[in-house]
Amino acid sequence: MVRFLLAIAAGVVLGFSTLVIHNAWAPIGLIFALLETAVGIYLVGSISGSRWLKLPAAIGWLAIVLRAGTHGVSFEILVMGNTTGNFFLLAGISLLVIVGLKRV
């Protein structure tokens, strides 16, 4: 149970850090954010020794990033609907699936 909660926490921290960096420097921030997503999810599975603990980390990442992509109370949005934001969401979710299904 503790490993499950730590995996979710790791996914949330990973999602927040990639969210902050993806739009910082035009192509370099996006590339770094996607690399961080792939390596972070891989490390969660590698450190825990379980492929199944990648799933809660991916869910934590997805919860943060999708919430940041929707309008808030004051209509703020962190993942813009531009090319960088759309590619970040599409490639990030694709990387979660690809790395999540990879064996440990």
C-alpha atoms as a PDB file:
ATOM      1  CA  MET A   1       0.000   0.000   0.000  1.00  0.00           C
ATOM      2  CA  VAL A   2       2.838   2.377   0.832  1.00  0.00           C
ATOM      3  CA  ARG A   3       4.593   1.598  -2.462  1.00  0.00           C
ATOM      4  CA  PHE A   4       1.324   2.320  -4.274  1.00  0.00           C
ATOM      5  CA  LEU A   5       0.983   5.734  -2.614  1.00  0.00           C
ATOM      6  CA  LEU A   6       4.636   6.543  -3.256  1.00  0.00           C
ATOM      7  CA  ALA A   7       4.170   5.676  -6.927  1.00  0.00           C
ATOM      8  CA  ILE A   8       1.192   8.033  -7.137  1.00  0.00           C
ATOM      9  CA  ALA A   9       3.202  10.764  -5.403  1.00  0.00           C
ATOM     10  CA  ALA A  10       6.100  10.229  -7.810  1.00  0.00           C
ATOM     11  CA  GLY A  11       3.700  10.543 -10.758  1.00  0.00           C
ATOM     12  CA  VAL A  12       2.239  13.765  -9.372  1.00  0.00           C
ATOM     13  CA  VAL A  13       5.686  15.310  -8.834  1.00  0.00           C
ATOM     14  CA  LEU A  14       6.770  14.143 -12.279  1.00  0.00           C
ATOM     15  CA  GLY A  15       3.629  15.583 -13.874  1.00  0.00           C
ATOM     16  CA  PHE A  16       4.078  18.937 -12.159  1.00  0.00           C
ATOM     17  CA  SER A  17       7.731  19.244 -13.117  1.00  0.00           C
ATOM     18  CA  THR A  18       7.067  18.372 -16.762  1.00  0.00           C
ATOM     19  CA  LEU A  19       4.133  20.750 -16.793  1.00  0.00           C
ATOM     20  CA  VAL A  20       6.291  23.629 -15.631  1.00  0.00           C
ATOM     21  CA  ILE A  21       9.111  22.989 -18.107  1.00  0.00           C
ATOM     22  CA  HIS A  22       7.233  21.983 -21.294  1.00  0.00           C
ATOM     23  CA  ASN A  23       6.492  25.520 -22.473  1.00  0.00           C
ATOM     24  CA  ALA A  24       9.618  27.221 -21.113  1.00  0.00           C
ATOM     25  CA  TRP A  25      12.011  27.174 -24.070  1.00  0.00           C
ATOM     26  CA  ALA A  26      10.312  26.491 -27.375  1.00  0.00           C
ATOM     27  CA  PRO A  27      11.543  23.073 -28.557  1.00  0.00           C
ATOM     28  CA  ILE A  28      14.101  22.268 -25.848  1.00  0.00           C
ATOM     29  CA  GLY A  29      11.668  22.465 -22.933  1.00  0.00           C
ATOM     30  CA  LEU A  30       9.227  20.174 -24.699  1.00  0.00           C
ATOM     31  CA  ILE A  31      11.925  17.616 -25.517  1.00  0.00           C
ATOM     32  CA  PHE A  32      13.222  17.737 -21.952  1.00  0.00           C
ATOM     33  CA  ALA A  33       9.709  17.326 -20.532  1.00  0.00           C
ATOM     34  CA  LEU A  34       9.037  14.272 -22.701  1.00  0.00           C
ATOM     35  CA  LEU A  35      12.392  12.724 -21.796  1.00  0.00           C
ATOM     36  CA  GLU A  36      11.685  13.399 -18.135  1.00  0.00           C
ATOM     37  CA  THR A  37       8.305  11.708 -18.446  1.00  0.00           C
ATOM     38  CA  ALA A  38       9.736   8.578 -20.059  1.00  0.00           C
ATOM     39  CA  VAL A  39      12.713   8.284 -17.720  1.00  0.00           C
ATOM     40  CA  GLY A  40      10.645   9.066 -14.630  1.00  0.00           C
ATOM     41  CA  ILE A  41       8.010   6.413 -15.291  1.00  0.00           C
ATOM     42  CA  TYR A  42      10.728   3.916 -16.200  1.00  0.00           C
ATOM     43  CA  LEU A  43      12.569   4.661 -12.945  1.00  0.00           C
ATOM     44  CA  VAL A  44       9.432   4.171 -10.875  1.00  0.00           C
ATOM     45  CA  GLY A  45       9.133   0.661 -12.270  1.00  0.00           C
ATOM     46  CA  SER A  46      12.861   0.002 -12.066  1.00  0.00           C
ATOM     47  CA  ILE A  47      13.243   1.135  -8.464  1.00  0.00           C
ATOM     48  CA  SER A  48      10.109  -0.647  -7.280  1.00  0.00           C
ATOM     49  CA  GLY A  49      10.881  -3.766  -9.312  1.00  0.00           C
ATOM     50  CA  SER A  50       7.298  -3.982 -10.494  1.00  0.00           C
ATOM     51  CA  ARG A  51       5.783  -3.110 -13.829  1.00  0.00           C
ATOM     52  CA  TRP A  52       2.390  -2.692 -12.181  1.00  0.00           C
ATOM     53  CA  LEU A  53       3.534   0.240 -10.068  1.00  0.00           C
ATOM     54  CA  LYS A  54       4.101   2.243 -13.235  1.00  0.00           C
ATOM     55  CA  LEU A  55       0.310   2.465 -13.582  1.00  0.00           C
ATOM     56  CA  PRO A  56      -0.351   4.583 -10.456  1.00  0.00           C
ATOM     57  CA  ALA A  57       2.577   6.826 -11.383  1.00  0.00           C
ATOM     58  CA  ALA A  58       1.118   7.275 -14.858  1.00  0.00           C
ATOM     59  CA  ILE A  59      -2.305   8.017 -13.377  1.00  0.00           C
ATOM     60  CA  GLY A  60      -0.758  10.654 -11.083  1.00  0.00           C
ATOM     61  CA  TRP A  61       1.024  12.256 -14.059  1.00  0.00           C
ATOM     62  CA  LEU A  62      -2.138  12.177 -16.116  1.00  0.00           C
ATOM     63  CA  ALA A  63      -4.275  13.680 -13.340  1.00  0.00           C
ATOM     64  CA  ILE A  64      -1.985  16.686 -12.944  1.00  0.00           C
ATOM     65  CA  VAL A  65      -1.432  17.324 -16.645  1.00  0.00           C
ATOM     66  CA  LEU A  66      -5.078  16.927 -17.656  1.00  0.00           C
ATOM     67  CA  ARG A  67      -6.219  19.156 -14.797  1.00  0.00           C
ATOM     68  CA  ALA A  68      -3.730  21.791 -15.916  1.00  0.00           C
ATOM     69  CA  GLY A  69      -5.123  21.569 -19.438  1.00  0.00           C
ATOM     70  CA  THR A  70      -8.669  22.496 -18.388  1.00  0.00           C
ATOM     71  CA  HIS A  71     -10.020  25.896 -17.405  1.00  0.00           C
ATOM     72  CA  GLY A  72      -9.977  26.676 -13.700  1.00  0.00           C
ATOM     73  CA  VAL A  73     -12.216  28.925 -11.624  1.00  0.00           C
ATOM     74  CA  SER A  74     -10.594  32.076 -12.978  1.00  0.00           C
ATOM     75  CA  PHE A  75     -10.288  30.571 -16.477  1.00  0.00           C
ATOM     76  CA  GLU A  76      -6.540  29.989 -16.102  1.00  0.00           C
ATOM     77  CA  ILE A  77      -4.964  27.248 -18.185  1.00  0.00           C
ATOM     78  CA  LEU A  78      -1.398  25.911 -18.008  1.00  0.00           C
ATOM     79  CA  VAL A  79      -1.299  23.647 -21.061  1.00  0.00           C
ATOM     80  CA  MET A  80      -2.169  25.925 -23.946  1.00  0.00           C
ATOM     81  CA  GLY A  81      -4.051  24.768 -27.020  1.00  0.00           C
ATOM     82  CA  ASN A  82      -1.114  25.551 -29.289  1.00  0.00           C
ATOM     83  CA  THR A  83       1.198  23.154 -31.113  1.00  0.00           C
ATOM     84  CA  THR A  84       3.509  22.732 -28.122  1.00  0.00           C
ATOM     85  CA  GLY A  85       0.683  21.994 -25.698  1.00  0.00           C
ATOM     86  CA  ASN A  86      -1.093  19.587 -28.014  1.00  0.00           C
ATOM     87  CA  PHE A  87       2.122  17.729 -28.812  1.00  0.00           C
ATOM     88  CA  PHE A  88       2.973  17.591 -25.095  1.00  0.00           C
ATOM     89  CA  LEU A  89      -0.353  15.949 -24.276  1.00  0.00           C
ATOM     90  CA  LEU A  90      -0.323  13.540 -27.216  1.00  0.00           C
ATOM     91  CA  ALA A  91       3.322  12.502 -26.939  1.00  0.00           C
ATOM     92  CA  GLY A  92       3.214  12.394 -23.141  1.00  0.00           C
ATOM     93  CA  ILE A  93       0.244  10.033 -23.044  1.00  0.00           C
ATOM     94  CA  SER A  94       1.819   7.911 -25.782  1.00  0.00           C
ATOM     95  CA  LEU A  95       5.053   7.712 -23.789  1.00  0.00           C
ATOM     96  CA  LEU A  96       3.120   6.689 -20.682  1.00  0.00           C
ATOM     97  CA  VAL A  97       1.615   3.762 -22.573  1.00  0.00           C
ATOM     98  CA  ILE A  98       4.855   2.726 -24.283  1.00  0.00           C
ATOM     99  CA  VAL A  99       7.075   2.953 -21.196  1.00  0.00           C
ATOM    100  CA  GLY A 100       4.343   1.553 -18.954  1.00  0.00           C
ATOM    101  CA  LEU A 101       4.065  -1.619 -21.020  1.00  0.00           C
ATOM    102  CA  LYS A 102       7.841  -2.104 -21.206  1.00  0.00           C
ATOM    103  CA  ARG A 103       9.224  -4.848 -18.999  1.00  0.00           C
ATOM    104  CA  VAL A 104      11.276  -3.968 -15.949  1.00  0.00           C
END
